[in-house]
Amino acid sequence: MNIIQNKHLSIGQIKKIEPRINRVLNDAAHIQEADWPDYSRFKQRLIPLVGYYCKNESLQTSEAYDIVISALCKALKI
């Protein structure tokens, strides 16, 4: 059963549901002059945590995935 149903998620809500996402984003924020390999590496770390392949049903949505990937791009400044 989804914890959050038919609500728009925020990155803050997503981080509360899956705190490991915050760790990945914090690690990404420390990268200077990020490039495509950096983006790919961090995205691979996020795949098990959000989107279709994650275990938490609340985060198995394209909306949650898009929000987290946008946050990753912001953290990497790309």
PDB file of N, CA and C in Angstrom:
ATOM      1  N   MET A   1       0.834  -1.187   0.000  1.00  0.00           N
ATOM      2  CA  MET A   1       0.000   0.000   0.000  1.00  0.00           C
ATOM      3  C   MET A   1       0.874   1.244   0.000  1.00  0.00           C
ATOM      4  N   ASN A   2       0.573   2.185  -0.838  1.00  0.00           N
ATOM      5  CA  ASN A   2       1.330   3.423  -0.908  1.00  0.00           C
ATOM      6  C   ASN A   2       1.081   4.271   0.325  1.00  0.00           C
ATOM      7  N   ILE A   3       2.150   4.828   0.858  1.00  0.00           N
ATOM      8  CA  ILE A   3       2.026   5.744   1.987  1.00  0.00           C
ATOM      9  C   ILE A   3       1.408   7.042   1.510  1.00  0.00           C
ATOM     10  N   ILE A   4       1.870   7.519   0.362  1.00  0.00           N
ATOM     11  CA  ILE A   4       1.367   8.768  -0.196  1.00  0.00           C
ATOM     12  C   ILE A   4       0.649   8.426  -1.492  1.00  0.00           C
ATOM     13  N   GLN A   5      -0.630   8.662  -1.527  1.00  0.00           N
ATOM     14  CA  GLN A   5      -1.420   8.355  -2.711  1.00  0.00           C
ATOM     15  C   GLN A   5      -2.003   9.643  -3.281  1.00  0.00           C
ATOM     16  N   ASN A   6      -1.834   9.807  -4.587  1.00  0.00           N
ATOM     17  CA  ASN A   6      -2.434  10.930  -5.304  1.00  0.00           C
ATOM     18  C   ASN A   6      -2.062  12.294  -4.728  1.00  0.00           C
ATOM     19  N   LYS A   7      -0.859  12.416  -4.214  1.00  0.00           N
ATOM     20  CA  LYS A   7      -0.363  13.693  -3.727  1.00  0.00           C
ATOM     21  C   LYS A   7       0.913  14.009  -4.483  1.00  0.00           C
ATOM     22  N   HIS A   8       1.146  15.300  -4.686  1.00  0.00           N
ATOM     23  CA  HIS A   8       2.402  15.691  -5.295  1.00  0.00           C
ATOM     24  C   HIS A   8       3.486  15.628  -4.230  1.00  0.00           C
ATOM     25  N   LEU A   9       4.559  14.945  -4.558  1.00  0.00           N
ATOM     26  CA  LEU A   9       5.663  14.789  -3.622  1.00  0.00           C
ATOM     27  C   LEU A   9       6.631  15.947  -3.731  1.00  0.00           C
ATOM     28  N   SER A  10       7.285  16.251  -2.638  1.00  0.00           N
ATOM     29  CA  SER A  10       8.386  17.211  -2.652  1.00  0.00           C
ATOM     30  C   SER A  10       9.663  16.421  -2.396  1.00  0.00           C
ATOM     31  N   ILE A  11      10.795  17.025  -2.707  1.00  0.00           N
ATOM     32  CA  ILE A  11      12.059  16.348  -2.444  1.00  0.00           C
ATOM     33  C   ILE A  11      12.214  16.097  -0.941  1.00  0.00           C
ATOM     34  N   GLY A  12      11.712  16.999  -0.129  1.00  0.00           N
ATOM     35  CA  GLY A  12      11.769  16.797   1.323  1.00  0.00           C
ATOM     36  C   GLY A  12      10.988  15.577   1.771  1.00  0.00           C
ATOM     37  N   GLN A  13       9.797  15.392   1.216  1.00  0.00           N
ATOM     38  CA  GLN A  13       8.988  14.218   1.560  1.00  0.00           C
ATOM     39  C   GLN A  13       9.688  12.938   1.097  1.00  0.00           C
ATOM     40  N   ILE A  14      10.263  13.001  -0.080  1.00  0.00           N
ATOM     41  CA  ILE A  14      10.951  11.826  -0.622  1.00  0.00           C
ATOM     42  C   ILE A  14      12.140  11.457   0.263  1.00  0.00           C
ATOM     43  N   LYS A  15      12.890  12.448   0.705  1.00  0.00           N
ATOM     44  CA  LYS A  15      14.038  12.181   1.578  1.00  0.00           C
ATOM     45  C   LYS A  15      13.605  11.594   2.922  1.00  0.00           C
ATOM     46  N   LYS A  16      12.439  11.996   3.402  1.00  0.00           N
ATOM     47  CA  LYS A  16      11.930  11.414   4.658  1.00  0.00           C
ATOM     48  C   LYS A  16      11.547   9.958   4.465  1.00  0.00           C
ATOM     49  N   ILE A  17      10.975   9.644   3.322  1.00  0.00           N
ATOM     50  CA  ILE A  17      10.586   8.266   3.033  1.00  0.00           C
ATOM     51  C   ILE A  17      11.824   7.385   2.823  1.00  0.00           C
ATOM     52  N   GLU A  18      12.830   7.930   2.134  1.00  0.00           N
ATOM     53  CA  GLU A  18      14.050   7.172   1.830  1.00  0.00           C
ATOM     54  C   GLU A  18      15.275   8.051   2.115  1.00  0.00           C
ATOM     55  N   PRO A  19      15.763   8.018   3.365  1.00  0.00           N
ATOM     56  CA  PRO A  19      16.877   8.887   3.761  1.00  0.00           C
ATOM     57  C   PRO A  19      18.170   8.656   2.972  1.00  0.00           C
ATOM     58  N   ARG A  20      18.353   7.486   2.407  1.00  0.00           N
ATOM     59  CA  ARG A  20      19.585   7.226   1.642  1.00  0.00           C
ATOM     60  C   ARG A  20      19.688   8.132   0.412  1.00  0.00           C
ATOM     61  N   ILE A  21      18.558   8.607  -0.082  1.00  0.00           N
ATOM     62  CA  ILE A  21      18.581   9.541  -1.213  1.00  0.00           C
ATOM     63  C   ILE A  21      19.314  10.818  -0.816  1.00  0.00           C
ATOM     64  N   ASN A  22      19.088  11.277   0.385  1.00  0.00           N
ATOM     65  CA  ASN A  22      19.758  12.477   0.875  1.00  0.00           C
ATOM     66  C   ASN A  22      21.271  12.294   0.885  1.00  0.00           C
ATOM     67  N   ARG A  23      21.734  11.121   1.292  1.00  0.00           N
ATOM     68  CA  ARG A  23      23.178  10.852   1.311  1.00  0.00           C
ATOM     69  C   ARG A  23      23.770  10.920  -0.089  1.00  0.00           C
ATOM     70  N   VAL A  24      23.070  10.340  -1.057  1.00  0.00           N
ATOM     71  CA  VAL A  24      23.557  10.366  -2.441  1.00  0.00           C
ATOM     72  C   VAL A  24      23.611  11.806  -2.950  1.00  0.00           C
ATOM     73  N   LEU A  25      22.567  12.567  -2.698  1.00  0.00           N
ATOM     74  CA  LEU A  25      22.531  13.955  -3.159  1.00  0.00           C
ATOM     75  C   LEU A  25      23.606  14.800  -2.474  1.00  0.00           C
ATOM     76  N   ASN A  26      23.843  14.558  -1.197  1.00  0.00           N
ATOM     77  CA  ASN A  26      24.909  15.281  -0.495  1.00  0.00           C
ATOM     78  C   ASN A  26      26.277  14.937  -1.075  1.00  0.00           C
ATOM     79  N   ASP A  27      26.499  13.667  -1.371  1.00  0.00           N
ATOM     80  CA  ASP A  27      27.761  13.259  -1.999  1.00  0.00           C
ATOM     81  C   ASP A  27      27.924  13.948  -3.351  1.00  0.00           C
ATOM     82  N   ALA A  28      26.856  14.010  -4.112  1.00  0.00           N
ATOM     83  CA  ALA A  28      26.896  14.640  -5.438  1.00  0.00           C
ATOM     84  C   ALA A  28      27.215  16.127  -5.318  1.00  0.00           C
ATOM     85  N   ALA A  29      26.700  16.772  -4.308  1.00  0.00           N
ATOM     86  CA  ALA A  29      26.904  18.213  -4.132  1.00  0.00           C
ATOM     87  C   ALA A  29      28.369  18.562  -3.870  1.00  0.00           C
ATOM     88  N   HIS A  30      29.143  17.590  -3.442  1.00  0.00           N
ATOM     89  CA  HIS A  30      30.560  17.843  -3.159  1.00  0.00           C
ATOM     90  C   HIS A  30      31.456  17.684  -4.391  1.00  0.00           C
ATOM     91  N   ILE A  31      30.895  17.296  -5.501  1.00  0.00           N
ATOM     92  CA  ILE A  31      31.671  17.120  -6.730  1.00  0.00           C
ATOM     93  C   ILE A  31      31.908  18.485  -7.380  1.00  0.00           C
ATOM     94  N   GLN A  32      33.145  18.768  -7.677  1.00  0.00           N
ATOM     95  CA  GLN A  32      33.500  19.995  -8.388  1.00  0.00           C
ATOM     96  C   GLN A  32      33.530  19.698  -9.884  1.00  0.00           C
ATOM     97  N   GLU A  33      32.931  20.544 -10.683  1.00  0.00           N
ATOM     98  CA  GLU A  33      32.928  20.405 -12.135  1.00  0.00           C
ATOM     99  C   GLU A  33      32.448  19.019 -12.575  1.00  0.00           C
ATOM    100  N   ALA A  34      31.225  18.703 -12.210  1.00  0.00           N
ATOM    101  CA  ALA A  34      30.633  17.405 -12.539  1.00  0.00           C
ATOM    102  C   ALA A  34      30.537  17.216 -14.048  1.00  0.00           C
ATOM    103  N   ASP A  35      30.637  15.974 -14.469  1.00  0.00           N
ATOM    104  CA  ASP A  35      30.510  15.640 -15.887  1.00  0.00           C
ATOM    105  C   ASP A  35      29.591  14.433 -16.038  1.00  0.00           C
ATOM    106  N   TRP A  36      29.444  13.973 -17.269  1.00  0.00           N
ATOM    107  CA  TRP A  36      28.525  12.867 -17.561  1.00  0.00           C
ATOM    108  C   TRP A  36      28.825  11.612 -16.733  1.00  0.00           C
ATOM    109  N   PRO A  37      30.084  11.169 -16.599  1.00  0.00           N
ATOM    110  CA  PRO A  37      30.346   9.989 -15.764  1.00  0.00           C
ATOM    111  C   PRO A  37      29.906  10.181 -14.309  1.00  0.00           C
ATOM    112  N   ASP A  38      30.063  11.396 -13.774  1.00  0.00           N
ATOM    113  CA  ASP A  38      29.602  11.658 -12.400  1.00  0.00           C
ATOM    114  C   ASP A  38      28.086  11.495 -12.314  1.00  0.00           C
ATOM    115  N   TYR A  39      27.382  12.116 -13.255  1.00  0.00           N
ATOM    116  CA  TYR A  39      25.921  12.018 -13.289  1.00  0.00           C
ATOM    117  C   TYR A  39      25.496  10.548 -13.359  1.00  0.00           C
ATOM    118  N   SER A  40      26.093   9.808 -14.251  1.00  0.00           N
ATOM    119  CA  SER A  40      25.746   8.399 -14.435  1.00  0.00           C
ATOM    120  C   SER A  40      26.002   7.585 -13.167  1.00  0.00           C
ATOM    121  N   ARG A  41      27.126   7.840 -12.525  1.00  0.00           N
ATOM    122  CA  ARG A  41      27.483   7.104 -11.298  1.00  0.00           C
ATOM    123  C   ARG A  41      26.466   7.366 -10.187  1.00  0.00           C
ATOM    124  N   PHE A  42      26.099   8.635  -9.984  1.00  0.00           N
ATOM    125  CA  PHE A  42      25.139   8.960  -8.932  1.00  0.00           C
ATOM    126  C   PHE A  42      23.738   8.474  -9.290  1.00  0.00           C
ATOM    127  N   LYS A  43      23.386   8.540 -10.547  1.00  0.00           N
ATOM    128  CA  LYS A  43      22.079   8.042 -10.980  1.00  0.00           C
ATOM    129  C   LYS A  43      21.973   6.541 -10.693  1.00  0.00           C
ATOM    130  N   GLN A  44      23.040   5.804 -10.928  1.00  0.00           N
ATOM    131  CA  GLN A  44      23.039   4.364 -10.641  1.00  0.00           C
ATOM    132  C   GLN A  44      22.834   4.096  -9.148  1.00  0.00           C
ATOM    133  N   ARG A  45      23.355   4.956  -8.302  1.00  0.00           N
ATOM    134  CA  ARG A  45      23.147   4.812  -6.865  1.00  0.00           C
ATOM    135  C   ARG A  45      21.696   5.086  -6.472  1.00  0.00           C
ATOM    136  N   LEU A  46      21.016   5.932  -7.262  1.00  0.00           N
ATOM    137  CA  LEU A  46      19.630   6.294  -6.943  1.00  0.00           C
ATOM    138  C   LEU A  46      18.614   5.282  -7.465  1.00  0.00           C
ATOM    139  N   ILE A  47      18.931   4.559  -8.495  1.00  0.00           N
ATOM    140  CA  ILE A  47      17.968   3.644  -9.123  1.00  0.00           C
ATOM    141  C   ILE A  47      17.337   2.659  -8.137  1.00  0.00           C
ATOM    142  N   PRO A  48      18.096   2.068  -7.215  1.00  0.00           N
ATOM    143  CA  PRO A  48      17.436   1.159  -6.261  1.00  0.00           C
ATOM    144  C   PRO A  48      16.575   1.868  -5.212  1.00  0.00           C
ATOM    145  N   LEU A  49      16.687   3.197  -5.136  1.00  0.00           N
ATOM    146  CA  LEU A  49      16.016   3.953  -4.082  1.00  0.00           C
ATOM    147  C   LEU A  49      14.744   4.659  -4.520  1.00  0.00           C
ATOM    148  N   VAL A  50      14.597   4.905  -5.830  1.00  0.00           N
ATOM    149  CA  VAL A  50      13.439   5.653  -6.316  1.00  0.00           C
ATOM    150  C   VAL A  50      13.111   5.215  -7.738  1.00  0.00           C
ATOM    151  N   GLY A  51      11.828   5.190  -8.041  1.00  0.00           N
ATOM    152  CA  GLY A  51      11.397   4.798  -9.381  1.00  0.00           C
ATOM    153  C   GLY A  51      10.948   3.345  -9.426  1.00  0.00           C
ATOM    154  N   TYR A  52      10.785   2.870 -10.612  1.00  0.00           N
ATOM    155  CA  TYR A  52      10.188   1.562 -10.861  1.00  0.00           C
ATOM    156  C   TYR A  52      10.849   0.419 -10.093  1.00  0.00           C
ATOM    157  N   TYR A  53      12.170   0.447  -9.951  1.00  0.00           N
ATOM    158  CA  TYR A  53      12.897  -0.683  -9.359  1.00  0.00           C
ATOM    159  C   TYR A  53      13.077  -0.599  -7.850  1.00  0.00           C
ATOM    160  N   CYS A  54      12.630   0.466  -7.211  1.00  0.00           N
ATOM    161  CA  CYS A  54      12.824   0.562  -5.761  1.00  0.00           C
ATOM    162  C   CYS A  54      11.822  -0.329  -5.030  1.00  0.00           C
ATOM    163  N   LYS A  55      12.149  -0.660  -3.799  1.00  0.00           N
ATOM    164  CA  LYS A  55      11.295  -1.540  -3.000  1.00  0.00           C
ATOM    165  C   LYS A  55      10.136  -0.805  -2.347  1.00  0.00           C
ATOM    166  N   ASN A  56      10.303   0.477  -2.098  1.00  0.00           N
ATOM    167  CA  ASN A  56       9.263   1.257  -1.422  1.00  0.00           C
ATOM    168  C   ASN A  56       8.203   1.680  -2.443  1.00  0.00           C
ATOM    169  N   GLU A  57       7.009   1.166  -2.300  1.00  0.00           N
ATOM    170  CA  GLU A  57       5.931   1.441  -3.253  1.00  0.00           C
ATOM    171  C   GLU A  57       5.609   2.930  -3.369  1.00  0.00           C
ATOM    172  N   SER A  58       5.812   3.674  -2.305  1.00  0.00           N
ATOM    173  CA  SER A  58       5.514   5.108  -2.332  1.00  0.00           C
ATOM    174  C   SER A  58       6.408   5.858  -3.304  1.00  0.00           C
ATOM    175  N   LEU A  59       7.562   5.285  -3.596  1.00  0.00           N
ATOM    176  CA  LEU A  59       8.524   5.957  -4.469  1.00  0.00           C
ATOM    177  C   LEU A  59       8.643   5.288  -5.837  1.00  0.00           C
ATOM    178  N   GLN A  60       7.747   4.381  -6.144  1.00  0.00           N
ATOM    179  CA  GLN A  60       7.768   3.680  -7.430  1.00  0.00           C
ATOM    180  C   GLN A  60       6.971   4.438  -8.490  1.00  0.00           C
ATOM    181  N   THR A  61       7.139   5.739  -8.530  1.00  0.00           N
ATOM    182  CA  THR A  61       6.392   6.548  -9.494  1.00  0.00           C
ATOM    183  C   THR A  61       7.362   7.336 -10.357  1.00  0.00           C
ATOM    184  N   SER A  62       6.910   7.674 -11.545  1.00  0.00           N
ATOM    185  CA  SER A  62       7.741   8.506 -12.409  1.00  0.00           C
ATOM    186  C   SER A  62       7.887   9.905 -11.812  1.00  0.00           C
ATOM    187  N   GLU A  63       6.872  10.363 -11.094  1.00  0.00           N
ATOM    188  CA  GLU A  63       6.960  11.679 -10.460  1.00  0.00           C
ATOM    189  C   GLU A  63       8.102  11.708  -9.437  1.00  0.00           C
ATOM    190  N   ALA A  64       8.160  10.707  -8.562  1.00  0.00           N
ATOM    191  CA  ALA A  64       9.224  10.646  -7.556  1.00  0.00           C
ATOM    192  C   ALA A  64      10.588  10.561  -8.234  1.00  0.00           C
ATOM    193  N   TYR A  65      10.687   9.736  -9.264  1.00  0.00           N
ATOM    194  CA  TYR A  65      11.944   9.580  -9.999  1.00  0.00           C
ATOM    195  C   TYR A  65      12.379  10.920 -10.614  1.00  0.00           C
ATOM    196  N   ASP A  66      11.463  11.594 -11.281  1.00  0.00           N
ATOM    197  CA  ASP A  66      11.782  12.874 -11.921  1.00  0.00           C
ATOM    198  C   ASP A  66      12.238  13.913 -10.904  1.00  0.00           C
ATOM    199  N   ILE A  67      11.586  13.953  -9.760  1.00  0.00           N
ATOM    200  CA  ILE A  67      11.953  14.909  -8.712  1.00  0.00           C
ATOM    201  C   ILE A  67      13.369  14.643  -8.214  1.00  0.00           C
ATOM    202  N   VAL A  68      13.688  13.379  -7.993  1.00  0.00           N
ATOM    203  CA  VAL A  68      15.011  13.024  -7.474  1.00  0.00           C
ATOM    204  C   VAL A  68      16.093  13.272  -8.528  1.00  0.00           C
ATOM    205  N   ILE A  69      15.818  12.939  -9.780  1.00  0.00           N
ATOM    206  CA  ILE A  69      16.810  13.180 -10.829  1.00  0.00           C
ATOM    207  C   ILE A  69      17.029  14.687 -11.014  1.00  0.00           C
ATOM    208  N   SER A  70      15.985  15.468 -10.911  1.00  0.00           N
ATOM    209  CA  SER A  70      16.137  16.933 -10.967  1.00  0.00           C
ATOM    210  C   SER A  70      16.994  17.432  -9.803  1.00  0.00           C
ATOM    211  N   ALA A  71      16.776  16.861  -8.625  1.00  0.00           N
ATOM    212  CA  ALA A  71      17.580  17.236  -7.456  1.00  0.00           C
ATOM    213  C   ALA A  71      19.032  16.829  -7.655  1.00  0.00           C
ATOM    214  N   LEU A  72      19.257  15.703  -8.302  1.00  0.00           N
ATOM    215  CA  LEU A  72      20.628  15.263  -8.598  1.00  0.00           C
ATOM    216  C   LEU A  72      21.309  16.262  -9.529  1.00  0.00           C
ATOM    217  N   CYS A  73      20.621  16.665 -10.577  1.00  0.00           N
ATOM    218  CA  CYS A  73      21.183  17.646 -11.521  1.00  0.00           C
ATOM    219  C   CYS A  73      21.505  18.966 -10.808  1.00  0.00           C
ATOM    220  N   LYS A  74      20.632  19.367  -9.926  1.00  0.00           N
ATOM    221  CA  LYS A  74      20.872  20.600  -9.154  1.00  0.00           C
ATOM    222  C   LYS A  74      22.091  20.435  -8.247  1.00  0.00           C
ATOM    223  N   ALA A  75      22.190  19.280  -7.585  1.00  0.00           N
ATOM    224  CA  ALA A  75      23.334  19.020  -6.692  1.00  0.00           C
ATOM    225  C   ALA A  75      24.648  19.017  -7.466  1.00  0.00           C
ATOM    226  N   LEU A  76      24.616  18.472  -8.671  1.00  0.00           N
ATOM    227  CA  LEU A  76      25.828  18.411  -9.506  1.00  0.00           C
ATOM    228  C   LEU A  76      26.083  19.709 -10.276  1.00  0.00           C
ATOM    229  N   LYS A  77      25.104  20.606 -10.218  1.00  0.00           N
ATOM    230  CA  LYS A  77      25.185  21.896 -10.933  1.00  0.00           C
ATOM    231  C   LYS A  77      25.309  21.672 -12.441  1.00  0.00           C
ATOM    232  N   ILE A  78      24.479  20.777 -12.949  1.00  0.00           N
ATOM    233  CA  ILE A  78      24.461  20.521 -14.409  1.00  0.00           C
ATOM    234  C   ILE A  78      23.076  20.749 -14.959  1.00  0.00           C
TER     235      ILE A  78
END
